[in-house]
């Protein structure tokens, strides 16, 4: 199915060993929530933060994000403090990843970060060679047995998987005319490189086919590229053959949908 909208990807929400600490207080001293090291999508990271704060604290916390800005808000029924600056484990804090920086946040039941959580990549052109996950399904490890007569067929399978296919085309740093089909981005190529370097690490990504509708998204993981069947490498092809030096194409990218 061809797209008619510009898309966007959210990424970079994995938690490393130096990003696990969330120190806070409910008025009776420091509480220490610990985020499990791992591969998260934006949505999954917020769920993990809530779970760990609920486990350590005495309140039920709400951790939400404005999906247009990726700005996170943490709230609770009663007053609490986020020890952004004075937490005893600030050297391994997750607050920076969540977008909370600066001084401790005190005296309220709700706090909103100042920076977006994670990163985003916006292709400059509508995704090409697009096949939606709804139209792209494969069985997992299928085996097909055919009787000697050829009349009976048995398919043994272990579930199914859905895939998104697309190519990111016409990425460029070159200035674009107003109202042209390619969006202006003076760092278009480096933005694409940063996104692809993350994608080939095989970590989770959130994909919105229509960036104007960020509430509708799918969780994906890169399955393969035009140059790597394992999805652990990529090559950007400059479009010399089309008379477009300075414009780049990823070739076909295949993403597996993550449930």
C-alpha atoms as a PDB file:
ATOM      1  CA  UNK A   1       0.000   0.000   0.000  1.00  0.00           C
ATOM      2  CA  UNK A   2       1.515   3.319  -1.047  1.00  0.00           C
ATOM      3  CA  UNK A   3       1.791   5.978   1.625  1.00  0.00           C
ATOM      4  CA  UNK A   4       0.482   9.494   1.175  1.00  0.00           C
ATOM      5  CA  UNK A   5       1.801  10.859   4.467  1.00  0.00           C
ATOM      6  CA  UNK A   6       5.196  11.660   5.931  1.00  0.00           C
ATOM      7  CA  UNK A   7       6.317   9.171   8.570  1.00  0.00           C
ATOM      8  CA  UNK A   8       8.412   9.330  11.725  1.00  0.00           C
ATOM      9  CA  UNK A   9      10.439   6.897  13.855  1.00  0.00           C
ATOM     10  CA  UNK A  10      11.088   7.164  17.613  1.00  0.00           C
ATOM     11  CA  UNK A  11      14.216   5.409  18.859  1.00  0.00           C
ATOM     12  CA  UNK A  12      17.022   5.450  21.409  1.00  0.00           C
ATOM     13  CA  UNK A  13      15.178   4.305  24.534  1.00  0.00           C
ATOM     14  CA  UNK A  14      17.438   1.397  25.456  1.00  0.00           C
ATOM     15  CA  UNK A  15      18.791   1.470  29.007  1.00  0.00           C
ATOM     16  CA  UNK A  16      22.512   0.868  29.592  1.00  0.00           C
ATOM     17  CA  UNK A  17      24.268  -0.004  32.847  1.00  0.00           C
ATOM     18  CA  UNK A  18      24.989   3.675  33.554  1.00  0.00           C
ATOM     19  CA  UNK A  19      21.316   4.712  33.141  1.00  0.00           C
ATOM     20  CA  UNK A  20      19.476   2.543  35.638  1.00  0.00           C
ATOM     21  CA  UNK A  21      18.991   4.757  38.713  1.00  0.00           C
ATOM     22  CA  UNK A  22      15.903   6.785  39.601  1.00  0.00           C
ATOM     23  CA  UNK A  23      16.161   8.344  43.042  1.00  0.00           C
ATOM     24  CA  UNK A  24      13.071  10.015  44.483  1.00  0.00           C
ATOM     25  CA  UNK A  25      11.391  10.783  47.788  1.00  0.00           C
ATOM     26  CA  UNK A  26       7.932  10.757  49.274  1.00  0.00           C
ATOM     27  CA  UNK A  27       9.024  12.766  52.315  1.00  0.00           C
ATOM     28  CA  UNK A  28      10.661  10.056  54.366  1.00  0.00           C
ATOM     29  CA  UNK A  29      14.109   9.884  52.813  1.00  0.00           C
ATOM     30  CA  UNK A  30      15.533   8.761  49.508  1.00  0.00           C
ATOM     31  CA  UNK A  31      13.844   5.929  47.643  1.00  0.00           C
ATOM     32  CA  UNK A  32      15.817   4.093  44.989  1.00  0.00           C
ATOM     33  CA  UNK A  33      14.048   2.700  41.947  1.00  0.00           C
ATOM     34  CA  UNK A  34      16.238   0.719  39.552  1.00  0.00           C
ATOM     35  CA  UNK A  35      15.378   0.420  35.867  1.00  0.00           C
ATOM     36  CA  UNK A  36      16.245  -2.945  34.369  1.00  0.00           C
ATOM     37  CA  UNK A  37      18.989  -2.812  31.742  1.00  0.00           C
ATOM     38  CA  UNK A  38      17.552  -3.638  28.339  1.00  0.00           C
ATOM     39  CA  UNK A  39      16.023  -2.835  25.004  1.00  0.00           C
ATOM     40  CA  UNK A  40      12.889  -0.679  25.275  1.00  0.00           C
ATOM     41  CA  UNK A  41      10.603   1.217  22.993  1.00  0.00           C
ATOM     42  CA  UNK A  42       9.417   4.617  24.251  1.00  0.00           C
ATOM     43  CA  UNK A  43       6.160   3.123  25.521  1.00  0.00           C
ATOM     44  CA  UNK A  44       7.897   0.202  27.203  1.00  0.00           C
ATOM     45  CA  UNK A  45      10.406   2.453  28.968  1.00  0.00           C
ATOM     46  CA  UNK A  46       7.635   4.503  30.550  1.00  0.00           C
ATOM     47  CA  UNK A  47       5.887   1.321  31.686  1.00  0.00           C
ATOM     48  CA  UNK A  48       9.128   0.136  33.291  1.00  0.00           C
ATOM     49  CA  UNK A  49       9.625   3.453  35.104  1.00  0.00           C
ATOM     50  CA  UNK A  50       6.098   3.295  36.512  1.00  0.00           C
ATOM     51  CA  UNK A  51       6.505  -0.315  37.620  1.00  0.00           C
ATOM     52  CA  UNK A  52       9.770   0.323  39.459  1.00  0.00           C
ATOM     53  CA  UNK A  53       8.538   3.513  41.153  1.00  0.00           C
ATOM     54  CA  UNK A  54       5.333   1.741  42.232  1.00  0.00           C
ATOM     55  CA  UNK A  55       7.399  -1.140  43.632  1.00  0.00           C
ATOM     56  CA  UNK A  56       9.698   1.058  45.733  1.00  0.00           C
ATOM     57  CA  UNK A  57       7.312   3.881  46.628  1.00  0.00           C
ATOM     58  CA  UNK A  58       4.097   4.033  48.584  1.00  0.00           C
ATOM     59  CA  UNK A  59       2.005   5.617  45.825  1.00  0.00           C
ATOM     60  CA  UNK A  60       0.712   4.574  42.435  1.00  0.00           C
ATOM     61  CA  UNK A  61       2.592   6.594  39.845  1.00  0.00           C
ATOM     62  CA  UNK A  62       1.500   7.702  36.405  1.00  0.00           C
ATOM     63  CA  UNK A  63       4.183   8.066  33.732  1.00  0.00           C
ATOM     64  CA  UNK A  64       2.932   9.641  30.514  1.00  0.00           C
ATOM     65  CA  UNK A  65       4.399  11.153  27.368  1.00  0.00           C
ATOM     66  CA  UNK A  66       3.169  13.768  24.939  1.00  0.00           C
ATOM     67  CA  UNK A  67       3.695  11.730  21.783  1.00  0.00           C
ATOM     68  CA  UNK A  68       4.043  14.846  19.637  1.00  0.00           C
ATOM     69  CA  UNK A  69       6.971  16.217  21.655  1.00  0.00           C
ATOM     70  CA  UNK A  70       8.248  13.103  23.509  1.00  0.00           C
ATOM     71  CA  UNK A  71       8.126  15.127  26.740  1.00  0.00           C
ATOM     72  CA  UNK A  72       7.530  12.912  29.798  1.00  0.00           C
ATOM     73  CA  UNK A  73       5.359  13.716  32.828  1.00  0.00           C
ATOM     74  CA  UNK A  74       5.535  11.768  36.101  1.00  0.00           C
ATOM     75  CA  UNK A  75       2.698  12.241  38.592  1.00  0.00           C
ATOM     76  CA  UNK A  76       1.157  10.694  41.700  1.00  0.00           C
ATOM     77  CA  UNK A  77      -1.833  11.302  44.011  1.00  0.00           C
ATOM     78  CA  UNK A  78       0.371  12.873  46.683  1.00  0.00           C
ATOM     79  CA  UNK A  79       3.422  15.114  46.802  1.00  0.00           C
ATOM     80  CA  UNK A  80       6.784  13.565  45.952  1.00  0.00           C
ATOM     81  CA  UNK A  81      10.254  14.688  44.869  1.00  0.00           C
ATOM     82  CA  UNK A  82      12.404  13.713  41.906  1.00  0.00           C
ATOM     83  CA  UNK A  83      16.029  13.845  43.084  1.00  0.00           C
ATOM     84  CA  UNK A  84      17.414  14.795  39.683  1.00  0.00           C
ATOM     85  CA  UNK A  85      20.443  16.613  41.076  1.00  0.00           C
ATOM     86  CA  UNK A  86      20.994  15.294  44.608  1.00  0.00           C
ATOM     87  CA  UNK A  87      20.156  11.605  44.262  1.00  0.00           C
ATOM     88  CA  UNK A  88      22.932   9.474  45.690  1.00  0.00           C
ATOM     89  CA  UNK A  89      23.154   7.536  42.405  1.00  0.00           C
ATOM     90  CA  UNK A  90      23.083  10.515  40.038  1.00  0.00           C
ATOM     91  CA  UNK A  91      26.132   9.190  38.161  1.00  0.00           C
ATOM     92  CA  UNK A  92      23.976   6.350  36.815  1.00  0.00           C
ATOM     93  CA  UNK A  93      20.686   8.234  36.480  1.00  0.00           C
ATOM     94  CA  UNK A  94      17.917   7.496  34.011  1.00  0.00           C
ATOM     95  CA  UNK A  95      16.561  11.042  34.409  1.00  0.00           C
ATOM     96  CA  UNK A  96      18.659  12.331  31.500  1.00  0.00           C
ATOM     97  CA  UNK A  97      17.207   9.729  29.136  1.00  0.00           C
ATOM     98  CA  UNK A  98      13.709  10.635  30.348  1.00  0.00           C
ATOM     99  CA  UNK A  99      14.361  14.327  29.657  1.00  0.00           C
ATOM    100  CA  UNK A 100      14.669  15.579  33.258  1.00  0.00           C
ATOM    101  CA  UNK A 101      17.706  17.789  33.860  1.00  0.00           C
ATOM    102  CA  UNK A 102      18.822  20.488  36.282  1.00  0.00           C
ATOM    103  CA  UNK A 103      17.741  20.819  39.897  1.00  0.00           C
ATOM    104  CA  UNK A 104      15.624  18.497  42.031  1.00  0.00           C
ATOM    105  CA  UNK A 105      11.879  18.763  41.452  1.00  0.00           C
ATOM    106  CA  UNK A 106      10.011  19.243  44.710  1.00  0.00           C
ATOM    107  CA  UNK A 107       6.735  20.350  46.250  1.00  0.00           C
ATOM    108  CA  UNK A 108       4.296  19.011  43.660  1.00  0.00           C
ATOM    109  CA  UNK A 109       2.304  15.947  42.626  1.00  0.00           C
ATOM    110  CA  UNK A 110       3.381  16.194  38.959  1.00  0.00           C
ATOM    111  CA  UNK A 111       6.582  17.002  37.096  1.00  0.00           C
ATOM    112  CA  UNK A 112       7.217  17.426  33.387  1.00  0.00           C
ATOM    113  CA  UNK A 113      10.592  16.983  31.729  1.00  0.00           C
ATOM    114  CA  UNK A 114      12.348  19.764  29.860  1.00  0.00           C
ATOM    115  CA  UNK A 115      13.798  17.719  26.986  1.00  0.00           C
ATOM    116  CA  UNK A 116      12.385  15.033  24.680  1.00  0.00           C
ATOM    117  CA  UNK A 117      12.840  11.409  25.714  1.00  0.00           C
ATOM    118  CA  UNK A 118      15.055   9.572  23.246  1.00  0.00           C
ATOM    119  CA  UNK A 119      15.421  10.524  19.590  1.00  0.00           C
ATOM    120  CA  UNK A 120      13.331  10.756  16.453  1.00  0.00           C
ATOM    121  CA  UNK A 121      13.997  10.422  12.747  1.00  0.00           C
ATOM    122  CA  UNK A 122      11.746  12.054  10.143  1.00  0.00           C
ATOM    123  CA  UNK A 123      12.358  10.950   6.535  1.00  0.00           C
ATOM    124  CA  UNK A 124      12.438  13.935   4.189  1.00  0.00           C
ATOM    125  CA  UNK A 125      10.325  12.176   1.566  1.00  0.00           C
ATOM    126  CA  UNK A 126       7.300   9.906   1.807  1.00  0.00           C
ATOM    127  CA  UNK A 127       8.496   6.330   2.350  1.00  0.00           C
ATOM    128  CA  UNK A 128       8.773   4.394  -0.906  1.00  0.00           C
ATOM    129  CA  UNK A 129       8.337   0.680  -1.744  1.00  0.00           C
ATOM    130  CA  UNK A 130       6.013   0.602   1.240  1.00  0.00           C
ATOM    131  CA  UNK A 131       4.358  -2.647   2.328  1.00  0.00           C
ATOM    132  CA  UNK A 132       2.378  -2.313   5.553  1.00  0.00           C
ATOM    133  CA  UNK A 133       2.492  -4.961   8.284  1.00  0.00           C
ATOM    134  CA  UNK A 134      -1.176  -5.689   7.599  1.00  0.00           C
ATOM    135  CA  UNK A 135      -0.188  -6.911   4.120  1.00  0.00           C
ATOM    136  CA  UNK A 136       3.023  -8.749   4.961  1.00  0.00           C
ATOM    137  CA  UNK A 137       2.901 -11.944   7.049  1.00  0.00           C
ATOM    138  CA  UNK A 138       5.141 -15.006   7.291  1.00  0.00           C
ATOM    139  CA  UNK A 139       4.873 -18.204   9.335  1.00  0.00           C
ATOM    140  CA  UNK A 140       7.627 -18.894  11.869  1.00  0.00           C
ATOM    141  CA  UNK A 141       9.835 -21.909  10.997  1.00  0.00           C
ATOM    142  CA  UNK A 142       7.230 -23.604   8.779  1.00  0.00           C
ATOM    143  CA  UNK A 143       7.661 -27.089   7.380  1.00  0.00           C
ATOM    144  CA  UNK A 144       5.498 -28.470   4.582  1.00  0.00           C
ATOM    145  CA  UNK A 145       4.839 -32.181   4.119  1.00  0.00           C
ATOM    146  CA  UNK A 146       3.228 -33.510   0.934  1.00  0.00           C
ATOM    147  CA  UNK A 147       1.786 -37.010   0.660  1.00  0.00           C
ATOM    148  CA  UNK A 148       3.113 -39.385  -2.019  1.00  0.00           C
ATOM    149  CA  UNK A 149      -0.041 -38.845  -4.047  1.00  0.00           C
ATOM    150  CA  UNK A 150       0.323 -35.094  -3.770  1.00  0.00           C
ATOM    151  CA  UNK A 151      -3.259 -34.856  -2.548  1.00  0.00           C
ATOM    152  CA  UNK A 152      -2.575 -34.027   1.087  1.00  0.00           C
ATOM    153  CA  UNK A 153      -0.459 -31.189   2.421  1.00  0.00           C
ATOM    154  CA  UNK A 154       0.417 -30.616   6.060  1.00  0.00           C
ATOM    155  CA  UNK A 155       1.918 -27.326   7.241  1.00  0.00           C
ATOM    156  CA  UNK A 156       3.576 -27.285  10.663  1.00  0.00           C
ATOM    157  CA  UNK A 157       4.255 -23.773  11.972  1.00  0.00           C
ATOM    158  CA  UNK A 158       5.097 -21.973  15.191  1.00  0.00           C
ATOM    159  CA  UNK A 159       3.060 -18.798  14.998  1.00  0.00           C
ATOM    160  CA  UNK A 160       3.419 -15.992  12.496  1.00  0.00           C
ATOM    161  CA  UNK A 161       5.200 -12.688  12.154  1.00  0.00           C
ATOM    162  CA  UNK A 162       4.329  -9.452  10.378  1.00  0.00           C
ATOM    163  CA  UNK A 163       6.762  -7.188   8.583  1.00  0.00           C
ATOM    164  CA  UNK A 164       6.998  -3.627   7.316  1.00  0.00           C
ATOM    165  CA  UNK A 165       8.986  -2.964   4.162  1.00  0.00           C
ATOM    166  CA  UNK A 166      10.027   0.435   2.860  1.00  0.00           C
ATOM    167  CA  UNK A 167      12.891   2.441   1.458  1.00  0.00           C
ATOM    168  CA  UNK A 168      14.033   5.848   2.690  1.00  0.00           C
ATOM    169  CA  UNK A 169      14.751   7.859  -0.435  1.00  0.00           C
ATOM    170  CA  UNK A 170      15.991  11.331  -1.351  1.00  0.00           C
ATOM    171  CA  UNK A 171      17.791  12.035   1.917  1.00  0.00           C
ATOM    172  CA  UNK A 172      19.923  15.123   1.439  1.00  0.00           C
ATOM    173  CA  UNK A 173      21.516  18.149   3.074  1.00  0.00           C
ATOM    174  CA  UNK A 174      20.869  20.269  -0.003  1.00  0.00           C
ATOM    175  CA  UNK A 175      18.405  23.176   0.319  1.00  0.00           C
ATOM    176  CA  UNK A 176      14.969  22.431  -1.114  1.00  0.00           C
ATOM    177  CA  UNK A 177      12.446  24.742  -2.797  1.00  0.00           C
ATOM    178  CA  UNK A 178       9.402  25.805  -0.828  1.00  0.00           C
ATOM    179  CA  UNK A 179       6.410  23.484  -1.324  1.00  0.00           C
ATOM    180  CA  UNK A 180       8.648  20.878  -2.955  1.00  0.00           C
ATOM    181  CA  UNK A 181       8.137  17.134  -2.360  1.00  0.00           C
ATOM    182  CA  UNK A 182      11.339  16.807  -0.297  1.00  0.00           C
ATOM    183  CA  UNK A 183      11.532  18.441   3.115  1.00  0.00           C
ATOM    184  CA  UNK A 184      14.372  20.800   3.947  1.00  0.00           C
ATOM    185  CA  UNK A 185      16.883  19.412   6.448  1.00  0.00           C
ATOM    186  CA  UNK A 186      20.480  20.725   6.493  1.00  0.00           C
ATOM    187  CA  UNK A 187      21.491  17.624   8.511  1.00  0.00           C
ATOM    188  CA  UNK A 188      19.368  15.164   6.542  1.00  0.00           C
ATOM    189  CA  UNK A 189      22.175  12.737   5.720  1.00  0.00           C
ATOM    190  CA  UNK A 190      23.738  12.648   9.189  1.00  0.00           C
ATOM    191  CA  UNK A 191      20.270  12.231  10.734  1.00  0.00           C
ATOM    192  CA  UNK A 192      19.671   9.203   8.513  1.00  0.00           C
ATOM    193  CA  UNK A 193      23.099   7.761   9.345  1.00  0.00           C
ATOM    194  CA  UNK A 194      22.429   8.118  13.084  1.00  0.00           C
ATOM    195  CA  UNK A 195      19.069   6.384  12.704  1.00  0.00           C
ATOM    196  CA  UNK A 196      20.497   3.543  10.620  1.00  0.00           C
ATOM    197  CA  UNK A 197      23.365   2.995  13.043  1.00  0.00           C
ATOM    198  CA  UNK A 198      20.801   2.551  15.798  1.00  0.00           C
ATOM    199  CA  UNK A 199      18.539   0.353  13.654  1.00  0.00           C
ATOM    200  CA  UNK A 200      21.310  -2.143  12.818  1.00  0.00           C
ATOM    201  CA  UNK A 201      21.912  -2.614  16.555  1.00  0.00           C
ATOM    202  CA  UNK A 202      18.594  -4.529  16.352  1.00  0.00           C
ATOM    203  CA  UNK A 203      16.925  -2.517  19.095  1.00  0.00           C
ATOM    204  CA  UNK A 204      13.284  -1.505  19.188  1.00  0.00           C
ATOM    205  CA  UNK A 205      11.835   1.403  17.255  1.00  0.00           C
ATOM    206  CA  UNK A 206       8.373   2.967  17.281  1.00  0.00           C
ATOM    207  CA  UNK A 207       7.051   3.744  13.800  1.00  0.00           C
ATOM    208  CA  UNK A 208       4.242   6.124  12.898  1.00  0.00           C
ATOM    209  CA  UNK A 209       3.141   5.894   9.271  1.00  0.00           C
ATOM    210  CA  UNK A 210       1.537   9.317   9.645  1.00  0.00           C
ATOM    211  CA  UNK A 211       3.617  11.673  11.745  1.00  0.00           C
ATOM    212  CA  UNK A 212       0.540  13.861  12.241  1.00  0.00           C
ATOM    213  CA  UNK A 213      -1.018  10.965  14.184  1.00  0.00           C
ATOM    214  CA  UNK A 214       1.668  10.010  16.728  1.00  0.00           C
ATOM    215  CA  UNK A 215      -0.840   8.091  18.856  1.00  0.00           C
ATOM    216  CA  UNK A 216      -1.037   5.411  16.145  1.00  0.00           C
ATOM    217  CA  UNK A 217       2.223   3.492  16.101  1.00  0.00           C
ATOM    218  CA  UNK A 218       3.829   0.074  15.792  1.00  0.00           C
ATOM    219  CA  UNK A 219       6.855  -1.350  17.565  1.00  0.00           C
ATOM    220  CA  UNK A 220       9.449  -2.645  15.106  1.00  0.00           C
ATOM    221  CA  UNK A 221      12.913  -4.183  14.964  1.00  0.00           C
ATOM    222  CA  UNK A 222      15.086  -4.095  11.842  1.00  0.00           C
ATOM    223  CA  UNK A 223      15.086  -7.518  10.184  1.00  0.00           C
ATOM    224  CA  UNK A 224      17.168  -6.970   7.044  1.00  0.00           C
ATOM    225  CA  UNK A 225      18.539  -4.377   4.649  1.00  0.00           C
ATOM    226  CA  UNK A 226      19.400  -4.473   0.965  1.00  0.00           C
ATOM    227  CA  UNK A 227      22.982  -5.357   1.890  1.00  0.00           C
ATOM    228  CA  UNK A 228      22.500  -7.469   5.040  1.00  0.00           C
ATOM    229  CA  UNK A 229      20.113 -10.394   5.479  1.00  0.00           C
ATOM    230  CA  UNK A 230      20.639 -10.186   9.244  1.00  0.00           C
ATOM    231  CA  UNK A 231      19.917  -6.460   9.406  1.00  0.00           C
ATOM    232  CA  UNK A 232      23.307  -5.732  10.953  1.00  0.00           C
ATOM    233  CA  UNK A 233      24.670  -3.579   8.150  1.00  0.00           C
ATOM    234  CA  UNK A 234      23.491  -0.955   5.694  1.00  0.00           C
ATOM    235  CA  UNK A 235      24.708   1.063   2.720  1.00  0.00           C
ATOM    236  CA  UNK A 236      23.404   4.426   1.579  1.00  0.00           C
ATOM    237  CA  UNK A 237      23.394   4.652  -2.197  1.00  0.00           C
ATOM    238  CA  UNK A 238      23.943   8.048  -3.779  1.00  0.00           C
ATOM    239  CA  UNK A 239      21.505   8.536  -6.652  1.00  0.00           C
ATOM    240  CA  UNK A 240      24.032   9.369  -9.365  1.00  0.00           C
ATOM    241  CA  UNK A 241      22.176   7.147 -11.832  1.00  0.00           C
ATOM    242  CA  UNK A 242      19.105   9.321 -11.504  1.00  0.00           C
ATOM    243  CA  UNK A 243      21.128  12.479 -11.956  1.00  0.00           C
ATOM    244  CA  UNK A 244      20.800  13.341  -8.265  1.00  0.00           C
ATOM    245  CA  UNK A 245      24.234  13.658  -6.659  1.00  0.00           C
ATOM    246  CA  UNK A 246      23.897  14.553  -2.990  1.00  0.00           C
ATOM    247  CA  UNK A 247      20.686  12.532  -2.606  1.00  0.00           C
ATOM    248  CA  UNK A 248      20.767   9.097  -0.928  1.00  0.00           C
ATOM    249  CA  UNK A 249      18.606   5.963  -0.763  1.00  0.00           C
ATOM    250  CA  UNK A 250      18.697   3.154   1.833  1.00  0.00           C
ATOM    251  CA  UNK A 251      17.352   0.463  -0.472  1.00  0.00           C
ATOM    252  CA  UNK A 252      14.662  -1.860   0.863  1.00  0.00           C
ATOM    253  CA  UNK A 253      14.484  -2.048   4.659  1.00  0.00           C
ATOM    254  CA  UNK A 254      12.518  -4.846   6.300  1.00  0.00           C
ATOM    255  CA  UNK A 255      11.283  -4.405   9.871  1.00  0.00           C
ATOM    256  CA  UNK A 256       9.695  -7.117  12.010  1.00  0.00           C
ATOM    257  CA  UNK A 257       6.690  -6.088  14.078  1.00  0.00           C
ATOM    258  CA  UNK A 258       7.236  -6.563  17.815  1.00  0.00           C
ATOM    259  CA  UNK A 259       4.230  -7.465  19.947  1.00  0.00           C
END
